[in-house]
N, C-alpha and C. Protein backbone atom coordinates (compact mmCIF):
# COMPACT_ATOMS: atom_id res chain seq x y z
N UNK A 1 -124.13 -27.07 96.30
CA UNK A 1 -123.35 -26.08 96.73
C UNK A 1 -123.65 -24.83 96.36
N UNK A 2 -123.43 -23.47 96.82
CA UNK A 2 -123.88 -22.46 96.01
C UNK A 2 -122.32 -21.49 95.78
N UNK A 3 -122.44 -21.43 94.78
CA UNK A 3 -121.19 -20.43 94.35
C UNK A 3 -121.97 -18.84 94.39
N UNK A 4 -120.95 -17.76 94.71
CA UNK A 4 -121.71 -16.27 94.56
C UNK A 4 -121.29 -16.00 93.22
N UNK A 5 -122.22 -14.80 92.17
CA UNK A 5 -121.75 -14.32 91.28
C UNK A 5 -121.07 -13.48 91.65
N UNK A 6 -120.40 -13.15 90.79
CA UNK A 6 -119.88 -11.52 90.55
C UNK A 6 -120.35 -10.76 89.54
N UNK A 7 -119.83 -9.84 89.84
CA UNK A 7 -120.11 -8.65 88.82
C UNK A 7 -119.21 -8.72 87.42
N UNK A 8 -118.01 -9.51 87.95
CA UNK A 8 -117.04 -9.96 86.50
C UNK A 8 -118.01 -11.09 85.72
N UNK A 9 -118.19 -12.10 86.57
CA UNK A 9 -119.51 -12.85 86.03
C UNK A 9 -120.08 -12.87 84.98
N UNK A 10 -121.19 -11.81 85.69
CA UNK A 10 -121.90 -11.79 84.81
C UNK A 10 -121.51 -11.07 83.90
N UNK A 11 -120.36 -9.75 83.66
CA UNK A 11 -120.07 -9.18 83.02
C UNK A 11 -119.46 -9.70 81.64
N UNK A 12 -118.77 -11.02 81.95
CA UNK A 12 -117.92 -12.06 81.35
C UNK A 12 -119.19 -12.73 80.06
N UNK A 13 -120.20 -13.22 81.27
CA UNK A 13 -121.75 -14.02 80.56
C UNK A 13 -122.33 -12.81 79.73
N UNK A 14 -122.43 -11.81 79.98
CA UNK A 14 -122.86 -11.03 79.08
C UNK A 14 -121.94 -11.05 77.78
N UNK A 15 -120.79 -10.62 77.75
CA UNK A 15 -119.87 -10.69 76.51
C UNK A 15 -119.92 -12.13 75.67
N UNK A 16 -120.09 -12.99 76.42
CA UNK A 16 -120.24 -14.63 75.71
C UNK A 16 -121.48 -14.08 74.81
N UNK A 17 -123.03 -14.16 75.33
CA UNK A 17 -124.53 -14.12 75.01
C UNK A 17 -124.00 -13.16 74.03
N UNK A 18 -123.81 -11.80 74.03
CA UNK A 18 -123.91 -11.08 72.72
C UNK A 18 -122.93 -11.47 71.40
N UNK A 19 -122.08 -12.30 71.70
CA UNK A 19 -120.92 -12.32 70.54
C UNK A 19 -122.05 -13.88 70.03
N UNK A 20 -122.23 -14.87 70.98
CA UNK A 20 -123.27 -15.98 70.42
C UNK A 20 -124.67 -14.95 69.39
N UNK A 21 -125.04 -14.31 69.72
CA UNK A 21 -126.03 -13.55 69.24
C UNK A 21 -125.43 -13.46 67.74
N UNK A 22 -124.60 -12.20 67.92
CA UNK A 22 -123.85 -11.66 66.70
C UNK A 22 -123.68 -12.85 65.68
N UNK A 23 -122.74 -13.82 65.93
CA UNK A 23 -123.12 -15.02 65.31
C UNK A 23 -123.81 -15.52 64.68
N UNK A 24 -124.94 -15.84 65.79
CA UNK A 24 -126.33 -16.01 64.91
C UNK A 24 -127.40 -15.30 63.96
N UNK A 25 -126.84 -14.18 64.51
CA UNK A 25 -127.58 -13.06 63.26
C UNK A 25 -126.89 -13.07 62.00
N UNK A 26 -125.72 -12.75 62.32
CA UNK A 26 -125.00 -12.87 60.56
C UNK A 26 -125.21 -14.44 59.79
N UNK A 27 -125.23 -15.46 60.35
CA UNK A 27 -125.37 -16.57 59.82
C UNK A 27 -127.03 -16.58 59.28
N UNK A 28 -127.81 -15.56 60.05
CA UNK A 28 -129.63 -16.16 59.59
C UNK A 28 -130.06 -14.57 58.64
N UNK A 29 -128.93 -13.71 58.52
CA UNK A 29 -129.29 -12.57 57.64
C UNK A 29 -128.57 -12.81 56.30
N UNK A 30 -129.43 -12.91 55.61
CA UNK A 30 -128.62 -13.23 53.59
C UNK A 30 -128.51 -12.03 53.44
N UNK A 31 -126.84 -12.13 52.60
CA UNK A 31 -125.91 -11.51 52.36
C UNK A 31 -126.73 -11.10 50.76
N UNK A 32 -127.07 -9.19 51.47
CA UNK A 32 -127.32 -7.97 50.08
C UNK A 32 -126.20 -8.86 48.83
N UNK A 33 -126.98 -8.42 48.10
CA UNK A 33 -126.63 -8.87 46.53
C UNK A 33 -126.11 -7.29 46.23
N UNK A 34 -124.84 -6.72 45.70
CA UNK A 34 -124.54 -5.58 45.89
C UNK A 34 -124.44 -5.20 44.52
N UNK A 35 -125.17 -5.64 43.35
CA UNK A 35 -125.76 -5.71 42.01
C UNK A 35 -127.18 -5.53 42.88
N UNK A 36 -128.24 -5.88 42.83
CA UNK A 36 -129.55 -5.60 43.15
C UNK A 36 -129.57 -4.49 42.98
N UNK A 37 -130.35 -4.52 41.55
CA UNK A 37 -131.37 -3.09 41.30
C UNK A 37 -132.42 -3.34 41.18
N UNK A 38 -133.12 -2.51 41.64
CA UNK A 38 -134.84 -2.83 41.98
C UNK A 38 -135.44 -2.24 40.46
N UNK A 39 -136.54 -3.24 39.86
CA UNK A 39 -136.98 -2.66 38.97
C UNK A 39 -138.22 -1.29 39.31
N UNK A 40 -138.64 -1.46 40.48
CA UNK A 40 -139.45 -0.32 41.17
C UNK A 40 -138.75 0.47 41.83
N UNK A 41 -139.02 1.58 42.05
CA UNK A 41 -138.26 2.94 42.90
C UNK A 41 -139.77 3.94 43.11
N UNK A 42 -139.16 4.02 44.62
CA UNK A 42 -140.13 5.22 45.69
C UNK A 42 -140.05 6.27 44.59
N UNK A 43 -141.16 7.15 45.01
CA UNK A 43 -140.91 8.64 44.49
C UNK A 43 -139.76 9.23 45.07
N UNK A 44 -140.02 9.22 46.36
CA UNK A 44 -138.38 9.99 47.08
C UNK A 44 -137.39 9.43 46.43
N UNK A 45 -136.94 8.38 45.72
CA UNK A 45 -135.84 8.18 45.56
C UNK A 45 -135.85 8.29 44.21
N UNK A 46 -136.94 8.58 43.09
CA UNK A 46 -136.81 8.87 42.07
C UNK A 46 -136.67 10.86 41.86
N UNK A 47 -137.00 11.06 43.10
CA UNK A 47 -136.98 12.63 43.05
C UNK A 47 -135.33 12.83 43.32
N UNK A 48 -134.47 12.11 44.42
CA UNK A 48 -133.74 11.92 44.67
C UNK A 48 -132.87 11.82 43.50
N UNK A 49 -132.49 11.26 42.49
CA UNK A 49 -131.99 10.45 41.71
C UNK A 49 -132.01 11.00 40.28
N UNK A 50 -133.15 11.94 40.01
CA UNK A 50 -133.33 13.21 38.83
C UNK A 50 -133.38 14.83 39.50
N UNK A 51 -133.12 14.52 40.71
CA UNK A 51 -132.95 16.07 41.50
C UNK A 51 -134.24 17.07 40.77
N UNK A 52 -135.28 16.46 40.65
CA UNK A 52 -136.39 16.79 40.40
C UNK A 52 -137.85 17.19 41.55
N UNK A 53 -138.70 17.73 41.76
CA UNK A 53 -139.72 18.09 43.03
C UNK A 53 -140.65 16.93 42.48
N UNK A 54 -141.25 17.19 43.78
CA UNK A 54 -142.83 16.04 43.77
C UNK A 54 -143.85 16.35 43.32
N UNK A 55 -143.87 17.67 42.22
CA UNK A 55 -145.03 18.07 41.52
C UNK A 55 -143.95 17.40 39.60
N UNK A 56 -142.83 17.34 39.67
CA UNK A 56 -142.49 16.35 38.52
C UNK A 56 -142.58 15.72 38.76
N UNK A 57 -142.40 14.55 39.65
CA UNK A 57 -142.87 13.43 39.65
C UNK A 57 -144.21 12.83 38.87
N UNK A 58 -145.12 13.53 40.13
CA UNK A 58 -146.24 13.49 39.61
C UNK A 58 -147.11 14.11 38.45
N UNK A 59 -145.85 15.02 37.57
CA UNK A 59 -146.33 15.17 35.83
C UNK A 59 -146.04 14.16 35.52
N UNK A 60 -145.18 13.50 35.85
CA UNK A 60 -144.54 11.98 34.93
C UNK A 60 -145.99 11.28 35.04
N UNK A 61 -146.29 10.86 35.66
CA UNK A 61 -147.04 10.07 36.50
C UNK A 61 -148.44 10.82 35.86
N UNK A 62 -148.88 11.34 36.05
CA UNK A 62 -150.35 11.56 35.82
C UNK A 62 -149.89 12.34 33.86
N UNK A 63 -149.49 12.53 33.17
CA UNK A 63 -149.30 11.84 31.59
C UNK A 63 -148.64 11.31 31.43
N UNK A 64 -148.80 9.90 32.36
CA UNK A 64 -147.85 8.49 31.91
C UNK A 64 -147.64 8.24 30.90
N UNK A 65 -146.13 9.02 31.29
CA UNK A 65 -144.59 9.51 31.11
C UNK A 65 -144.39 7.94 31.23
N UNK A 66 -144.24 7.05 32.10
CA UNK A 66 -143.74 6.44 32.81
C UNK A 66 -145.00 5.67 33.70
N UNK A 67 -144.42 3.78 33.89
CA UNK A 67 -145.57 3.23 34.74
C UNK A 67 -145.06 3.21 36.27
N UNK A 68 -146.18 3.38 36.86
CA UNK A 68 -146.11 3.48 38.10
C UNK A 68 -147.05 2.74 38.70
N UNK A 69 -146.86 1.97 40.16
CA UNK A 69 -147.95 1.33 41.07
C UNK A 69 -148.16 2.32 42.45
N UNK A 70 -149.37 1.78 42.98
CA UNK A 70 -149.36 2.59 43.99
C UNK A 70 -149.60 1.35 45.16
N UNK A 71 -149.09 1.07 45.89
CA UNK A 71 -148.55 0.50 46.93
C UNK A 71 -148.73 0.79 48.13
N UNK A 72 -150.09 0.61 49.05
CA UNK A 72 -150.55 1.03 50.53
C UNK A 72 -149.82 2.44 50.77
N UNK A 73 -150.75 3.35 49.61
CA UNK A 73 -150.31 4.71 49.48
C UNK A 73 -149.11 5.54 48.86
N UNK A 74 -148.18 4.51 48.66
CA UNK A 74 -146.53 4.98 47.97
C UNK A 74 -146.85 4.79 46.77
N UNK A 75 -146.22 5.55 45.81
CA UNK A 75 -146.05 5.02 44.51
C UNK A 75 -144.54 4.75 44.30
N UNK A 76 -144.59 4.20 43.49
CA UNK A 76 -143.62 3.57 42.73
C UNK A 76 -143.72 3.57 41.31
N UNK A 77 -142.15 3.76 40.79
CA UNK A 77 -142.13 3.79 39.20
C UNK A 77 -141.04 3.70 39.06
N UNK A 78 -141.24 2.74 36.86
CA UNK A 78 -140.40 2.00 36.85
C UNK A 78 -139.42 2.83 36.21
N UNK A 79 -138.13 1.85 36.71
CA UNK A 79 -136.83 2.36 36.51
C UNK A 79 -136.23 2.66 34.83
N UNK A 80 -137.05 1.29 34.26
CA UNK A 80 -136.84 1.58 33.32
C UNK A 80 -137.34 2.61 31.84
N UNK A 81 -138.43 2.56 32.45
CA UNK A 81 -139.65 3.46 31.98
C UNK A 81 -138.61 4.86 32.39
N UNK A 82 -138.19 5.43 33.11
CA UNK A 82 -137.27 6.91 33.58
C UNK A 82 -136.16 6.42 32.81
N UNK A 83 -135.47 5.54 33.07
CA UNK A 83 -134.27 5.80 32.09
C UNK A 83 -134.23 6.13 30.89
N UNK A 84 -135.74 5.32 29.88
CA UNK A 84 -135.88 5.33 28.84
C UNK A 84 -135.88 7.05 28.23
N UNK A 85 -137.08 7.49 29.08
CA UNK A 85 -137.85 8.78 29.26
C UNK A 85 -136.63 9.55 29.11
N UNK A 86 -135.39 9.43 29.72
CA UNK A 86 -134.38 10.81 29.85
C UNK A 86 -133.03 10.28 29.06
N UNK A 87 -132.98 9.00 28.63
CA UNK A 87 -132.29 9.52 27.27
C UNK A 87 -132.46 9.32 26.69
N UNK A 88 -134.08 8.96 25.90
CA UNK A 88 -134.47 9.99 24.96
C UNK A 88 -134.32 11.78 24.73
N UNK A 89 -134.51 12.17 25.96
CA UNK A 89 -134.39 13.50 26.05
C UNK A 89 -133.02 14.18 26.02
N UNK A 90 -131.91 12.97 26.14
CA UNK A 90 -130.64 13.63 25.88
C UNK A 90 -129.82 13.66 24.56
N UNK A 91 -130.88 12.94 23.55
CA UNK A 91 -130.67 12.61 22.22
C UNK A 91 -130.73 13.61 21.74
């Protein structure tokens, strides 16, 4: 028995399929922890947070005022060191 599919049938099927995919993605995606606070910050993040230039961030690194890591060409800075550095300057 052959039944003809209509455009409406296909539209309904696509909506059902998309809904199922959304449900699967919601269930498989870990919930982001709102309080997640990374210990290491990328250079760009440091520049934005502290409103300083790339040269200033590099100066912090070269004078060894903060710990840093280089991972695949990107520099990461220790958040605790940055906080301590700027807390000390505000005293």
